[in-house]
Amino acid sequence: MITGTYIADTIDRAFDGLDIMLGTNKRARLDDGTFKADDKSTPDVNEAWKSGKSPKKKKTKKTK
C-alpha cells in the first residue's frame, strides 16, 4: 500500500473534496480510528465532520 506518501495524501484530499461536492458527509476520525470531537472554541467550523459542516437534521413526521 502507498500509505503515508505524497500520492496517498493527494488521493485522500481528492476524495474528501469529492465527498463535499456530492454532499456525502463523513465523520472525521483520529489516527486510532475513533471519532474526532468538535472543538467548541471554533463555532463556525465543525471539526467532527470532514466537510467542516454538520449535516442538516431530518424533519420527523408527527403522527396523530
PDB file of N, CA and C in Angstrom:
ATOM      1  N   MET A   1       0.843  -1.186   0.000  1.00  0.00           N
ATOM      2  CA  MET A   1       0.000   0.000   0.000  1.00  0.00           C
ATOM      3  C   MET A   1       0.880   1.238   0.000  1.00  0.00           C
ATOM      4  N   ILE A   2       0.357   2.346  -0.438  1.00  0.00           N
ATOM      5  CA  ILE A   2       1.128   3.571  -0.557  1.00  0.00           C
ATOM      6  C   ILE A   2       0.818   4.551   0.573  1.00  0.00           C
ATOM      7  N   THR A   3       0.486   4.046   1.731  1.00  0.00           N
ATOM      8  CA  THR A   3       0.091   4.867   2.857  1.00  0.00           C
ATOM      9  C   THR A   3       1.241   5.756   3.303  1.00  0.00           C
ATOM     10  N   GLY A   4       0.936   7.031   3.580  1.00  0.00           N
ATOM     11  CA  GLY A   4       1.934   7.956   4.088  1.00  0.00           C
ATOM     12  C   GLY A   4       2.778   8.616   3.017  1.00  0.00           C
ATOM     13  N   THR A   5       2.450   8.439   1.767  1.00  0.00           N
ATOM     14  CA  THR A   5       3.219   9.057   0.689  1.00  0.00           C
ATOM     15  C   THR A   5       2.467  10.265   0.144  1.00  0.00           C
ATOM     16  N   TYR A   6       3.137  11.013  -0.686  1.00  0.00           N
ATOM     17  CA  TYR A   6       2.537  12.191  -1.305  1.00  0.00           C
ATOM     18  C   TYR A   6       1.341  11.805  -2.162  1.00  0.00           C
ATOM     19  N   ILE A   7       1.455  10.714  -2.879  1.00  0.00           N
ATOM     20  CA  ILE A   7       0.361  10.261  -3.740  1.00  0.00           C
ATOM     21  C   ILE A   7      -0.866   9.890  -2.911  1.00  0.00           C
ATOM     22  N   ALA A   8      -0.651   9.192  -1.802  1.00  0.00           N
ATOM     23  CA  ALA A   8      -1.772   8.805  -0.943  1.00  0.00           C
ATOM     24  C   ALA A   8      -2.458  10.033  -0.363  1.00  0.00           C
ATOM     25  N   ASP A   9      -1.678  11.040   0.048  1.00  0.00           N
ATOM     26  CA  ASP A   9      -2.262  12.275   0.583  1.00  0.00           C
ATOM     27  C   ASP A   9      -3.067  13.012  -0.479  1.00  0.00           C
ATOM     28  N   THR A  10      -2.559  13.050  -1.698  1.00  0.00           N
ATOM     29  CA  THR A  10      -3.264  13.712  -2.789  1.00  0.00           C
ATOM     30  C   THR A  10      -4.577  13.003  -3.110  1.00  0.00           C
ATOM     31  N   ILE A  11      -4.546  11.690  -3.128  1.00  0.00           N
ATOM     32  CA  ILE A  11      -5.770  10.913  -3.394  1.00  0.00           C
ATOM     33  C   ILE A  11      -6.789  11.128  -2.284  1.00  0.00           C
ATOM     34  N   ASP A  12      -6.348  11.139  -1.029  1.00  0.00           N
ATOM     35  CA  ASP A  12      -7.262  11.371   0.087  1.00  0.00           C
ATOM     36  C   ASP A  12      -7.912  12.748  -0.010  1.00  0.00           C
ATOM     37  N   ARG A  13      -7.136  13.767  -0.342  1.00  0.00           N
ATOM     38  CA  ARG A  13      -7.697  15.112  -0.469  1.00  0.00           C
ATOM     39  C   ARG A  13      -8.684  15.177  -1.627  1.00  0.00           C
ATOM     40  N   ALA A  14      -8.399  14.485  -2.721  1.00  0.00           N
ATOM     41  CA  ALA A  14      -9.309  14.482  -3.862  1.00  0.00           C
ATOM     42  C   ALA A  14     -10.641  13.829  -3.491  1.00  0.00           C
ATOM     43  N   PHE A  15     -10.582  12.711  -2.785  1.00  0.00           N
ATOM     44  CA  PHE A  15     -11.820  12.045  -2.379  1.00  0.00           C
ATOM     45  C   PHE A  15     -12.586  12.856  -1.342  1.00  0.00           C
ATOM     46  N   ASP A  16     -11.868  13.557  -0.444  1.00  0.00           N
ATOM     47  CA  ASP A  16     -12.543  14.412   0.521  1.00  0.00           C
ATOM     48  C   ASP A  16     -13.274  15.539  -0.200  1.00  0.00           C
ATOM     49  N   GLY A  17     -12.637  16.128  -1.212  1.00  0.00           N
ATOM     50  CA  GLY A  17     -13.278  17.185  -1.990  1.00  0.00           C
ATOM     51  C   GLY A  17     -14.483  16.666  -2.753  1.00  0.00           C
ATOM     52  N   LEU A  18     -14.380  15.456  -3.274  1.00  0.00           N
ATOM     53  CA  LEU A  18     -15.493  14.846  -3.989  1.00  0.00           C
ATOM     54  C   LEU A  18     -16.661  14.589  -3.045  1.00  0.00           C
ATOM     55  N   ASP A  19     -16.378  14.109  -1.837  1.00  0.00           N
ATOM     56  CA  ASP A  19     -17.437  13.882  -0.856  1.00  0.00           C
ATOM     57  C   ASP A  19     -18.151  15.182  -0.511  1.00  0.00           C
ATOM     58  N   ILE A  20     -17.405  16.264  -0.401  1.00  0.00           N
ATOM     59  CA  ILE A  20     -18.004  17.558  -0.074  1.00  0.00           C
ATOM     60  C   ILE A  20     -18.900  18.023  -1.221  1.00  0.00           C
ATOM     61  N   MET A  21     -18.418  17.878  -2.472  1.00  0.00           N
ATOM     62  CA  MET A  21     -19.206  18.309  -3.627  1.00  0.00           C
ATOM     63  C   MET A  21     -20.474  17.484  -3.778  1.00  0.00           C
ATOM     64  N   LEU A  22     -20.407  16.192  -3.507  1.00  0.00           N
ATOM     65  CA  LEU A  22     -21.575  15.325  -3.660  1.00  0.00           C
ATOM     66  C   LEU A  22     -22.514  15.393  -2.463  1.00  0.00           C
ATOM     67  N   GLY A  23     -22.058  15.987  -1.378  1.00  0.00           N
ATOM     68  CA  GLY A  23     -22.897  16.119  -0.197  1.00  0.00           C
ATOM     69  C   GLY A  23     -22.912  14.895   0.688  1.00  0.00           C
ATOM     70  N   THR A  24     -21.950  14.016   0.540  1.00  0.00           N
ATOM     71  CA  THR A  24     -21.870  12.850   1.411  1.00  0.00           C
ATOM     72  C   THR A  24     -20.945  13.188   2.577  1.00  0.00           C
ATOM     73  N   ASN A  25     -21.538  13.562   3.676  1.00  0.00           N
ATOM     74  CA  ASN A  25     -20.754  13.931   4.846  1.00  0.00           C
ATOM     75  C   ASN A  25     -20.242  12.693   5.552  1.00  0.00           C
ATOM     76  N   LYS A  26     -18.996  12.755   5.977  1.00  0.00           N
ATOM     77  CA  LYS A  26     -18.412  11.658   6.728  1.00  0.00           C
ATOM     78  C   LYS A  26     -17.810  12.212   8.007  1.00  0.00           C
ATOM     79  N   ARG A  27     -17.889  11.410   9.051  1.00  0.00           N
ATOM     80  CA  ARG A  27     -17.303  11.817  10.316  1.00  0.00           C
ATOM     81  C   ARG A  27     -15.790  11.772  10.227  1.00  0.00           C
ATOM     82  N   ALA A  28     -15.150  12.737  10.839  1.00  0.00           N
ATOM     83  CA  ALA A  28     -13.692  12.770  10.895  1.00  0.00           C
ATOM     84  C   ALA A  28     -13.228  11.776  11.953  1.00  0.00           C
ATOM     85  N   ARG A  29     -12.103  11.151  11.695  1.00  0.00           N
ATOM     86  CA  ARG A  29     -11.566  10.154  12.620  1.00  0.00           C
ATOM     87  C   ARG A  29     -10.141  10.504  13.021  1.00  0.00           C
ATOM     88  N   LEU A  30      -9.770  10.081  14.209  1.00  0.00           N
ATOM     89  CA  LEU A  30      -8.403  10.226  14.684  1.00  0.00           C
ATOM     90  C   LEU A  30      -7.546   9.110  14.103  1.00  0.00           C
ATOM     91  N   ASP A  31      -6.241   9.144  14.388  1.00  0.00           N
ATOM     92  CA  ASP A  31      -5.338   8.133  13.849  1.00  0.00           C
ATOM     93  C   ASP A  31      -5.677   6.729  14.326  1.00  0.00           C
ATOM     94  N   ASP A  32      -6.249   6.616  15.534  1.00  0.00           N
ATOM     95  CA  ASP A  32      -6.580   5.284  16.053  1.00  0.00           C
ATOM     96  C   ASP A  32      -7.949   4.794  15.605  1.00  0.00           C
ATOM     97  N   GLY A  33      -8.650   5.586  14.780  1.00  0.00           N
ATOM     98  CA  GLY A  33      -9.918   5.152  14.215  1.00  0.00           C
ATOM     99  C   GLY A  33     -11.146   5.628  14.963  1.00  0.00           C
ATOM    100  N   THR A  34     -10.980   6.269  16.107  1.00  0.00           N
ATOM    101  CA  THR A  34     -12.127   6.762  16.858  1.00  0.00           C
ATOM    102  C   THR A  34     -12.600   8.091  16.268  1.00  0.00           C
ATOM    103  N   PHE A  35     -13.848   8.448  16.536  1.00  0.00           N
ATOM    104  CA  PHE A  35     -14.407   9.691  16.011  1.00  0.00           C
ATOM    105  C   PHE A  35     -13.740  10.894  16.661  1.00  0.00           C
ATOM    106  N   LYS A  36     -13.544  11.930  15.862  1.00  0.00           N
ATOM    107  CA  LYS A  36     -12.965  13.172  16.339  1.00  0.00           C
ATOM    108  C   LYS A  36     -14.094  14.044  16.896  1.00  0.00           C
ATOM    109  N   ALA A  37     -13.834  14.744  17.973  1.00  0.00           N
ATOM    110  CA  ALA A  37     -14.849  15.589  18.602  1.00  0.00           C
ATOM    111  C   ALA A  37     -14.799  16.994  18.009  1.00  0.00           C
ATOM    112  N   ASP A  38     -15.879  17.744  18.169  1.00  0.00           N
ATOM    113  CA  ASP A  38     -15.946  19.119  17.722  1.00  0.00           C
ATOM    114  C   ASP A  38     -15.254  20.013  18.740  1.00  0.00           C
ATOM    115  N   ASP A  39     -14.509  21.001  18.252  1.00  0.00           N
ATOM    116  CA  ASP A  39     -13.859  21.973  19.124  1.00  0.00           C
ATOM    117  C   ASP A  39     -14.829  23.128  19.335  1.00  0.00           C
ATOM    118  N   LYS A  40     -15.320  23.306  20.547  1.00  0.00           N
ATOM    119  CA  LYS A  40     -16.338  24.315  20.837  1.00  0.00           C
ATOM    120  C   LYS A  40     -15.803  25.742  20.747  1.00  0.00           C
ATOM    121  N   SER A  41     -14.462  25.921  20.726  1.00  0.00           N
ATOM    122  CA  SER A  41     -13.905  27.273  20.650  1.00  0.00           C
ATOM    123  C   SER A  41     -13.978  27.845  19.232  1.00  0.00           C
ATOM    124  N   THR A  42     -14.325  27.028  18.243  1.00  0.00           N
ATOM    125  CA  THR A  42     -14.492  27.494  16.867  1.00  0.00           C
ATOM    126  C   THR A  42     -15.931  27.246  16.441  1.00  0.00           C
ATOM    127  N   PRO A  43     -16.831  28.202  16.688  1.00  0.00           N
ATOM    128  CA  PRO A  43     -18.251  27.973  16.401  1.00  0.00           C
ATOM    129  C   PRO A  43     -18.596  27.901  14.919  1.00  0.00           C
ATOM    130  N   ASP A  44     -17.740  28.443  14.032  1.00  0.00           N
ATOM    131  CA  ASP A  44     -18.069  28.447  12.613  1.00  0.00           C
ATOM    132  C   ASP A  44     -17.582  27.207  11.871  1.00  0.00           C
ATOM    133  N   VAL A  45     -16.770  26.355  12.522  1.00  0.00           N
ATOM    134  CA  VAL A  45     -16.252  25.141  11.889  1.00  0.00           C
ATOM    135  C   VAL A  45     -16.546  23.957  12.804  1.00  0.00           C
ATOM    136  N   ASN A  46     -17.040  22.872  12.231  1.00  0.00           N
ATOM    137  CA  ASN A  46     -17.316  21.668  12.994  1.00  0.00           C
ATOM    138  C   ASN A  46     -16.254  20.618  12.653  1.00  0.00           C
ATOM    139  N   GLU A  47     -15.268  20.459  13.528  1.00  0.00           N
ATOM    140  CA  GLU A  47     -14.158  19.549  13.268  1.00  0.00           C
ATOM    141  C   GLU A  47     -14.560  18.081  13.304  1.00  0.00           C
ATOM    142  N   ALA A  48     -15.744  17.777  13.792  1.00  0.00           N
ATOM    143  CA  ALA A  48     -16.192  16.392  13.867  1.00  0.00           C
ATOM    144  C   ALA A  48     -16.563  15.834  12.493  1.00  0.00           C
ATOM    145  N   TRP A  49     -16.707  16.691  11.501  1.00  0.00           N
ATOM    146  CA  TRP A  49     -17.071  16.269  10.151  1.00  0.00           C
ATOM    147  C   TRP A  49     -15.980  16.676   9.186  1.00  0.00           C
ATOM    148  N   LYS A  50     -15.684  15.841   8.188  1.00  0.00           N
ATOM    149  CA  LYS A  50     -14.624  16.127   7.221  1.00  0.00           C
ATOM    150  C   LYS A  50     -14.912  17.389   6.425  1.00  0.00           C
ATOM    151  N   SER A  51     -16.166  17.637   6.116  1.00  0.00           N
ATOM    152  CA  SER A  51     -16.522  18.806   5.323  1.00  0.00           C
ATOM    153  C   SER A  51     -16.475  20.091   6.130  1.00  0.00           C
ATOM    154  N   GLY A  52     -16.427  19.997   7.450  1.00  0.00           N
ATOM    155  CA  GLY A  52     -16.405  21.184   8.296  1.00  0.00           C
ATOM    156  C   GLY A  52     -17.788  21.666   8.694  1.00  0.00           C
ATOM    157  N   LYS A  53     -18.814  21.025   8.152  1.00  0.00           N
ATOM    158  CA  LYS A  53     -20.193  21.374   8.490  1.00  0.00           C
ATOM    159  C   LYS A  53     -20.946  20.103   8.824  1.00  0.00           C
ATOM    160  N   SER A  54     -21.770  20.176   9.841  1.00  0.00           N
ATOM    161  CA  SER A  54     -22.561  19.001  10.190  1.00  0.00           C
ATOM    162  C   SER A  54     -23.746  18.896   9.235  1.00  0.00           C
ATOM    163  N   PRO A  55     -24.233  17.689   8.974  1.00  0.00           N
ATOM    164  CA  PRO A  55     -25.370  17.543   8.069  1.00  0.00           C
ATOM    165  C   PRO A  55     -26.647  18.109   8.675  1.00  0.00           C
ATOM    166  N   LYS A  56     -27.535  18.530   7.818  1.00  0.00           N
ATOM    167  CA  LYS A  56     -28.808  19.071   8.300  1.00  0.00           C
ATOM    168  C   LYS A  56     -29.628  17.966   8.936  1.00  0.00           C
ATOM    169  N   LYS A  57     -30.345  18.312   9.987  1.00  0.00           N
ATOM    170  CA  LYS A  57     -31.185  17.336  10.673  1.00  0.00           C
ATOM    171  C   LYS A  57     -32.442  17.081   9.854  1.00  0.00           C
ATOM    172  N   LYS A  58     -32.841  15.821   9.802  1.00  0.00           N
ATOM    173  CA  LYS A  58     -34.037  15.444   9.055  1.00  0.00           C
ATOM    174  C   LYS A  58     -35.277  15.783   9.877  1.00  0.00           C
ATOM    175  N   LYS A  59     -36.312  16.238   9.179  1.00  0.00           N
ATOM    176  CA  LYS A  59     -37.569  16.535   9.842  1.00  0.00           C
ATOM    177  C   LYS A  59     -38.324  15.233  10.085  1.00  0.00           C
ATOM    178  N   THR A  60     -38.960  15.132  11.212  1.00  0.00           N
ATOM    179  CA  THR A  60     -39.746  13.954  11.520  1.00  0.00           C
ATOM    180  C   THR A  60     -41.222  14.259  11.328  1.00  0.00           C
ATOM    181  N   LYS A  61     -41.956  13.269  10.880  1.00  0.00           N
ATOM    182  CA  LYS A  61     -43.380  13.425  10.705  1.00  0.00           C
ATOM    183  C   LYS A  61     -44.068  13.239  12.051  1.00  0.00           C
ATOM    184  N   LYS A  62     -45.022  14.089  12.310  1.00  0.00           N
ATOM    185  CA  LYS A  62     -45.809  13.957  13.523  1.00  0.00           C
ATOM    186  C   LYS A  62     -46.996  13.054  13.238  1.00  0.00           C
ATOM    187  N   THR A  63     -47.211  12.068  14.092  1.00  0.00           N
ATOM    188  CA  THR A  63     -48.341  11.182  13.935  1.00  0.00           C
ATOM    189  C   THR A  63     -49.472  11.659  14.835  1.00  0.00           C
ATOM    190  N   LYS A  64     -50.670  11.478  14.365  1.00  0.00           N
ATOM    191  CA  LYS A  64     -51.830  11.917  15.146  1.00  0.00           C
ATOM    192  C   LYS A  64     -52.448  10.771  15.874  1.00  0.00           C
TER     193      LYS A  64
END
